[in-house]
Amino acid sequence: MQLQQLRYFATVAELRHFTRAAEALHVAQPSLSQQIRALERELGADLFHRARGNITLTDAGEALLPLARRILADTDTARREAQEVAQLRRGRVRLGAPPSLCASLVPDVLRAYHARFPGIELFIDEGGSQDLVRSLAAGGLDLALIITPLGVGAPALETTELLREDLVVVSAPSVPMPRRRMRVEDLRGLPMVMFRRGYDLREITITACRAAGFEPSFTVEGGEMDAVLGFVRAGLGVAVVPGMVAGRSGLRVTPFEGDRMRRTVAVAHRKDAPPPRAARELWEVLLEHLQSPSGD
């Protein structure tokens, strides 16, 4: 059973005339009649009583007509839905990002994207890079902003570097700082507020401290970004955070010397599944935002 046959059948049933139905469908009458006959053979029942000048539905035709109309209506709806998605009037983008980027870069990018494509639904998965990589591999995300390099055994992903971001030390004004520009070694003995396990910033900070020959000293451990900034604001210790986050925190910001404390942010997707059109457009908005001198 073909959609074309159902459309021919429904048109004949509506007009009660083969010639007028053929004209309405812009097909030759013999071709229309042939398709109706093929449909009847497949169903094993006549659909029309064919008397000269008087076409009426059989019982089988009466039973099929509402079903045919429903199928045709659903088909037209599906076609319109697909066209709307293709034209970015409707759809969904599933983006993953670490909490630090959700607190800095992502809101501005989503604002610009939503203004351009208001019909696209945005789904955000906030998590560490390893969790986001697993979600990408399982097909749960279209794109993810991740911190690279990835660990050993990472799935086959396509990654594109977006930016290299300086990490800085944030502190409350009441907490004395040893220098105006920090070295990693200056963190030795300083009370620190540390992120929960699985946080990219935790691994970067601890690895840098160990490379400098010491273990960091934690006063509070296990928080998310907002909690860590709140603990720092309360004077419980200092924290190493991305520069974009620090600039919005209202805390004192102390940079590191040189470029020893940086992280690389990349956008990733599965190699075997290119992101859909709506996700590719989000990628373009992200690049435009990063290339804009004002960040707008």
Protein backbone atom coordinates (compact mmCIF):
# COMPACT_ATOMS: atom_id res chain seq x y z
CA MET A 1 0.00 0.00 0.00
CA GLN A 2 1.44 3.32 -1.12
CA LEU A 3 0.68 6.85 0.04
CA GLN A 4 0.05 7.83 -3.56
CA GLN A 5 -2.63 5.13 -3.85
CA LEU A 6 -4.32 6.32 -0.65
CA ARG A 7 -4.28 9.91 -1.93
CA TYR A 8 -5.85 8.81 -5.24
CA PHE A 9 -8.48 6.80 -3.37
CA ALA A 10 -9.39 9.65 -1.00
CA THR A 11 -9.69 12.13 -3.89
CA VAL A 12 -12.00 9.84 -5.91
CA ALA A 13 -14.05 9.21 -2.76
CA GLU A 14 -14.42 12.95 -2.20
CA LEU A 15 -15.28 13.90 -5.81
CA ARG A 16 -17.19 10.68 -6.66
CA HIS A 17 -15.77 10.90 -10.16
CA PHE A 18 -12.61 9.38 -11.66
CA THR A 19 -12.10 12.01 -14.38
CA ARG A 20 -12.48 14.99 -12.04
CA ALA A 21 -10.22 13.29 -9.48
CA ALA A 22 -7.54 12.76 -12.14
CA GLU A 23 -7.77 16.43 -13.11
CA ALA A 24 -7.52 17.55 -9.48
CA LEU A 25 -4.45 15.37 -8.97
CA HIS A 26 -2.89 16.37 -12.31
CA VAL A 27 -2.52 12.77 -13.46
CA ALA A 28 -3.90 10.83 -16.41
CA GLN A 29 -7.17 9.02 -15.66
CA PRO A 30 -5.87 5.62 -16.84
CA SER A 31 -2.95 5.93 -14.42
CA LEU A 32 -5.28 6.86 -11.55
CA SER A 33 -7.63 3.97 -12.31
CA GLN A 34 -4.69 1.59 -12.52
CA GLN A 35 -3.45 2.62 -9.08
CA ILE A 36 -6.90 2.25 -7.54
CA ARG A 37 -7.17 -1.24 -9.03
CA ALA A 38 -3.75 -2.14 -7.65
CA LEU A 39 -4.86 -0.98 -4.20
CA GLU A 40 -8.04 -3.04 -4.41
CA ARG A 41 -6.05 -6.12 -5.42
CA GLU A 42 -3.71 -5.66 -2.49
CA LEU A 43 -6.62 -5.24 -0.06
CA GLY A 44 -8.62 -8.05 -1.64
CA ALA A 45 -11.80 -5.95 -1.85
CA ASP A 46 -13.46 -3.47 -4.20
CA LEU A 47 -13.49 0.08 -2.86
CA PHE A 48 -16.03 1.61 -5.29
CA HIS A 49 -19.28 0.64 -6.95
CA ARG A 50 -18.63 1.73 -10.51
CA ALA A 51 -21.90 2.56 -12.26
CA ARG A 52 -21.89 4.98 -15.22
CA GLY A 53 -22.10 8.46 -13.77
CA ASN A 54 -22.55 7.14 -10.24
CA ILE A 55 -19.44 6.28 -8.17
CA THR A 56 -20.16 5.19 -4.59
CA LEU A 57 -18.11 3.59 -1.86
CA THR A 58 -18.40 -0.06 -0.97
CA ASP A 59 -18.41 -1.16 2.66
CA ALA A 60 -14.66 -1.73 2.38
CA GLY A 61 -14.26 1.76 0.91
CA GLU A 62 -16.30 3.30 3.74
CA ALA A 63 -14.08 1.54 6.29
CA LEU A 64 -10.85 2.59 4.58
CA LEU A 65 -11.71 6.26 3.94
CA PRO A 66 -11.31 7.66 7.51
CA LEU A 67 -8.10 5.67 7.97
CA ALA A 68 -6.73 6.92 4.65
CA ARG A 69 -7.55 10.51 5.56
CA ARG A 70 -5.83 10.14 8.91
CA ILE A 71 -2.71 8.61 7.33
CA LEU A 72 -2.54 11.36 4.72
CA ALA A 73 -3.04 14.06 7.35
CA ASP A 74 -0.29 12.56 9.54
CA THR A 75 2.00 12.39 6.52
CA ASP A 76 1.42 16.06 5.71
CA THR A 77 2.05 16.96 9.36
CA ALA A 78 5.28 14.96 9.39
CA ARG A 79 6.43 16.69 6.20
CA ARG A 80 5.74 20.13 7.65
CA GLU A 81 7.49 19.23 10.91
CA ALA A 82 10.56 18.03 9.02
CA GLN A 83 10.62 21.17 6.90
CA GLU A 84 10.33 23.37 9.98
CA VAL A 85 13.25 21.61 11.62
CA ALA A 86 15.29 21.89 8.41
CA GLN A 87 14.51 25.59 8.26
CA LEU A 88 15.33 26.03 11.98
CA ARG A 89 11.84 27.10 12.96
CA ARG A 90 11.53 24.20 15.38
CA GLY A 91 13.78 21.52 16.81
CA ARG A 92 16.09 20.78 19.71
CA VAL A 93 19.76 21.10 20.52
CA ARG A 94 21.36 19.07 23.31
CA LEU A 95 24.51 20.78 24.59
CA GLY A 96 26.82 19.59 27.33
CA ALA A 97 29.18 21.92 29.20
CA PRO A 98 31.20 21.99 32.43
CA PRO A 99 29.68 24.05 35.27
CA SER A 100 32.40 26.71 34.95
CA LEU A 101 31.39 27.38 31.33
CA CYS A 102 27.70 27.27 32.23
CA ALA A 103 28.48 30.08 34.68
CA SER A 104 30.40 32.20 32.15
CA LEU A 105 30.43 31.56 28.40
CA VAL A 106 27.30 29.48 27.80
CA PRO A 107 24.57 31.93 28.96
CA ASP A 108 25.70 34.67 26.55
CA VAL A 109 25.96 32.20 23.66
CA LEU A 110 22.52 30.73 24.34
CA ARG A 111 21.02 34.20 24.56
CA ALA A 112 22.40 35.08 21.11
CA TYR A 113 21.30 31.73 19.67
CA HIS A 114 17.78 31.98 21.09
CA ALA A 115 17.39 35.48 19.66
CA ARG A 116 18.29 34.11 16.23
CA PHE A 117 16.39 30.81 16.42
CA PRO A 118 13.57 31.24 18.98
CA GLY A 119 11.80 28.05 17.93
CA ILE A 120 14.70 25.77 18.85
CA GLU A 121 14.43 24.10 22.25
CA LEU A 122 17.70 24.10 24.19
CA PHE A 123 18.64 21.23 26.50
CA ILE A 124 21.74 21.70 28.69
CA ASP A 125 23.62 18.89 30.42
CA GLU A 126 25.98 20.32 33.06
CA GLY A 127 28.80 18.03 34.09
CA GLY A 128 32.49 17.18 34.05
CA SER A 129 34.23 16.50 30.75
CA GLN A 130 34.44 12.74 31.28
CA ASP A 131 30.70 12.52 32.01
CA LEU A 132 29.93 14.63 28.95
CA VAL A 133 32.17 12.48 26.76
CA ARG A 134 30.29 9.37 27.87
CA SER A 135 26.97 11.06 27.14
CA LEU A 136 28.19 12.08 23.67
CA ALA A 137 29.32 8.54 22.92
CA ALA A 138 25.92 7.18 23.99
CA GLY A 139 24.09 9.62 21.72
CA GLY A 140 22.65 11.69 24.56
CA LEU A 141 24.16 14.97 23.33
CA ASP A 142 24.61 16.71 19.98
CA LEU A 143 27.59 18.82 21.06
CA ALA A 144 29.67 19.20 24.19
CA LEU A 145 32.14 21.79 25.44
CA ILE A 146 34.91 19.82 27.09
CA ILE A 147 38.33 20.38 28.62
CA THR A 148 41.13 18.71 26.64
CA PRO A 149 43.18 16.62 26.38
CA LEU A 150 40.86 13.69 26.97
CA GLY A 151 41.92 10.74 29.06
CA VAL A 152 43.13 7.40 27.77
CA GLY A 153 40.36 5.26 26.29
CA ALA A 154 38.17 8.19 25.21
CA PRO A 155 35.61 7.25 22.52
CA ALA A 156 35.97 8.32 18.89
CA LEU A 157 35.09 12.00 18.97
CA GLU A 158 35.78 14.92 16.67
CA THR A 159 37.17 17.80 18.75
CA THR A 160 37.90 21.37 17.71
CA GLU A 161 39.83 23.71 19.99
CA LEU A 162 37.86 26.86 20.82
CA LEU A 163 39.98 28.78 23.29
CA ARG A 164 42.74 28.65 25.85
CA GLU A 165 41.62 30.22 29.07
CA ASP A 166 43.79 31.54 31.86
CA LEU A 167 43.13 30.22 35.34
CA VAL A 168 43.37 32.69 38.23
CA VAL A 169 43.16 32.70 42.01
CA VAL A 170 40.08 34.25 43.61
CA SER A 171 40.00 35.33 47.23
CA ALA A 172 38.02 37.47 49.65
CA PRO A 173 39.49 40.93 50.33
CA SER A 174 40.05 39.90 53.95
CA VAL A 175 42.36 37.01 52.99
CA PRO A 176 46.02 38.13 52.64
CA MET A 177 47.73 37.14 49.38
CA PRO A 178 51.51 36.59 49.16
CA ARG A 179 51.99 38.18 45.74
CA ARG A 180 50.23 40.36 43.16
CA ARG A 181 50.97 37.72 40.52
CA MET A 182 50.98 34.14 41.72
CA ARG A 183 53.20 31.19 41.04
CA VAL A 184 51.83 27.69 41.56
CA GLU A 185 54.38 27.35 44.38
CA ASP A 186 52.67 30.24 46.20
CA LEU A 187 49.63 28.02 46.78
CA ARG A 188 51.69 25.90 49.18
CA GLY A 189 50.19 26.29 52.64
CA LEU A 190 47.36 28.59 51.51
CA PRO A 191 43.92 27.41 52.68
CA MET A 192 42.05 26.34 49.56
CA VAL A 193 38.43 25.68 48.68
CA MET A 194 38.33 22.70 46.35
CA PHE A 195 35.76 21.41 43.88
CA ARG A 196 34.19 17.98 44.09
CA ARG A 197 35.85 14.93 42.56
CA GLY A 198 35.32 14.66 38.81
CA TYR A 199 35.57 18.43 38.31
CA ASP A 200 38.12 19.34 35.62
CA LEU A 201 39.39 22.30 37.68
CA ARG A 202 40.10 20.02 40.63
CA GLU A 203 42.28 17.73 38.54
CA ILE A 204 44.12 20.65 36.89
CA THR A 205 44.86 22.33 40.22
CA ILE A 206 45.96 19.22 42.09
CA THR A 207 48.16 18.09 39.17
CA ALA A 208 49.85 21.53 39.02
CA CYS A 209 50.48 21.55 42.77
CA ARG A 210 51.98 18.05 42.73
CA ALA A 211 54.17 19.00 39.77
CA ALA A 212 55.42 21.89 41.95
CA GLY A 213 56.29 19.42 44.71
CA PHE A 214 53.50 19.76 47.28
CA GLU A 215 49.97 18.66 48.16
CA PRO A 216 47.37 21.46 48.35
CA SER A 217 45.72 22.18 51.70
CA PHE A 218 41.90 22.12 51.64
CA THR A 219 39.66 23.87 54.16
CA VAL A 220 36.45 23.01 52.30
CA GLU A 221 36.14 20.30 49.67
CA GLY A 222 33.40 18.94 47.45
CA GLY A 223 31.49 21.96 46.13
CA GLU A 224 30.09 22.99 42.77
CA MET A 225 31.09 26.33 41.21
CA ASP A 226 28.51 28.51 42.97
CA ALA A 227 29.26 26.87 46.33
CA VAL A 228 33.03 27.25 45.88
CA LEU A 229 32.69 30.95 45.09
CA GLY A 230 30.41 31.36 48.10
CA PHE A 231 32.93 29.67 50.41
CA VAL A 232 35.69 31.90 49.06
CA ARG A 233 33.49 34.96 49.54
CA ALA A 234 33.01 33.89 53.16
CA GLY A 235 36.80 33.93 53.67
CA LEU A 236 37.22 30.17 54.02
CA GLY A 237 40.06 30.00 51.51
CA VAL A 238 41.18 30.73 47.97
CA ALA A 239 40.23 28.86 44.80
CA VAL A 240 41.63 28.42 41.30
CA VAL A 241 38.94 29.23 38.75
CA PRO A 242 38.72 30.25 35.06
CA GLY A 243 39.25 33.92 34.28
CA MET A 244 35.76 34.28 32.75
CA VAL A 245 34.18 33.07 35.98
CA ALA A 246 36.44 35.21 38.17
CA GLY A 247 35.50 38.37 36.31
CA ARG A 248 31.87 37.91 37.27
CA SER A 249 32.43 36.74 40.84
CA GLY A 250 33.00 40.09 42.60
CA LEU A 251 36.01 38.54 44.34
CA ARG A 252 39.63 39.70 44.32
CA VAL A 253 41.39 38.22 41.28
CA THR A 254 45.09 37.36 41.30
CA PRO A 255 46.55 36.09 38.00
CA PHE A 256 49.34 33.54 37.65
CA GLU A 257 52.67 34.45 36.14
CA GLY A 258 53.19 33.35 32.56
CA ASP A 259 50.89 30.73 31.04
CA ARG A 260 51.49 27.81 33.38
CA MET A 261 47.88 27.70 34.58
CA ARG A 262 45.66 27.48 31.54
CA ARG A 263 43.04 25.11 30.26
CA THR A 264 41.98 24.31 26.70
CA VAL A 265 38.28 24.32 25.87
CA ALA A 266 37.11 22.37 22.82
CA VAL A 267 33.79 21.53 21.20
CA ALA A 268 33.21 17.83 20.53
CA HIS A 269 30.80 15.57 18.70
CA ARG A 270 30.78 11.94 17.61
CA LYS A 271 32.82 11.14 14.51
CA ASP A 272 30.20 8.73 13.23
CA ALA A 273 27.24 11.09 13.73
CA PRO A 274 27.63 14.67 12.46
CA PRO A 275 25.59 17.12 14.57
CA PRO A 276 22.20 18.16 13.19
CA ARG A 277 21.66 21.50 11.46
CA ALA A 278 20.38 23.27 14.58
CA ALA A 279 23.47 22.15 16.55
CA ARG A 280 25.80 23.28 13.76
CA GLU A 281 24.17 26.71 13.88
CA LEU A 282 24.79 26.82 17.66
CA TRP A 283 28.44 26.05 16.94
CA GLU A 284 28.56 29.01 14.53
CA VAL A 285 27.01 31.34 17.12
CA LEU A 286 29.59 30.15 19.66
CA LEU A 287 32.45 30.92 17.24
CA GLU A 288 30.98 34.34 16.42
CA HIS A 289 30.76 35.14 20.13
CA LEU A 290 34.38 34.15 20.76
CA GLN A 291 35.62 36.15 17.76
CA SER A 292 33.67 39.27 18.72
CA PRO A 293 35.96 41.88 20.33
CA SER A 294 33.28 42.71 22.90
CA GLY A 295 32.21 39.12 23.42
CA ASP A 296 28.63 40.06 22.36
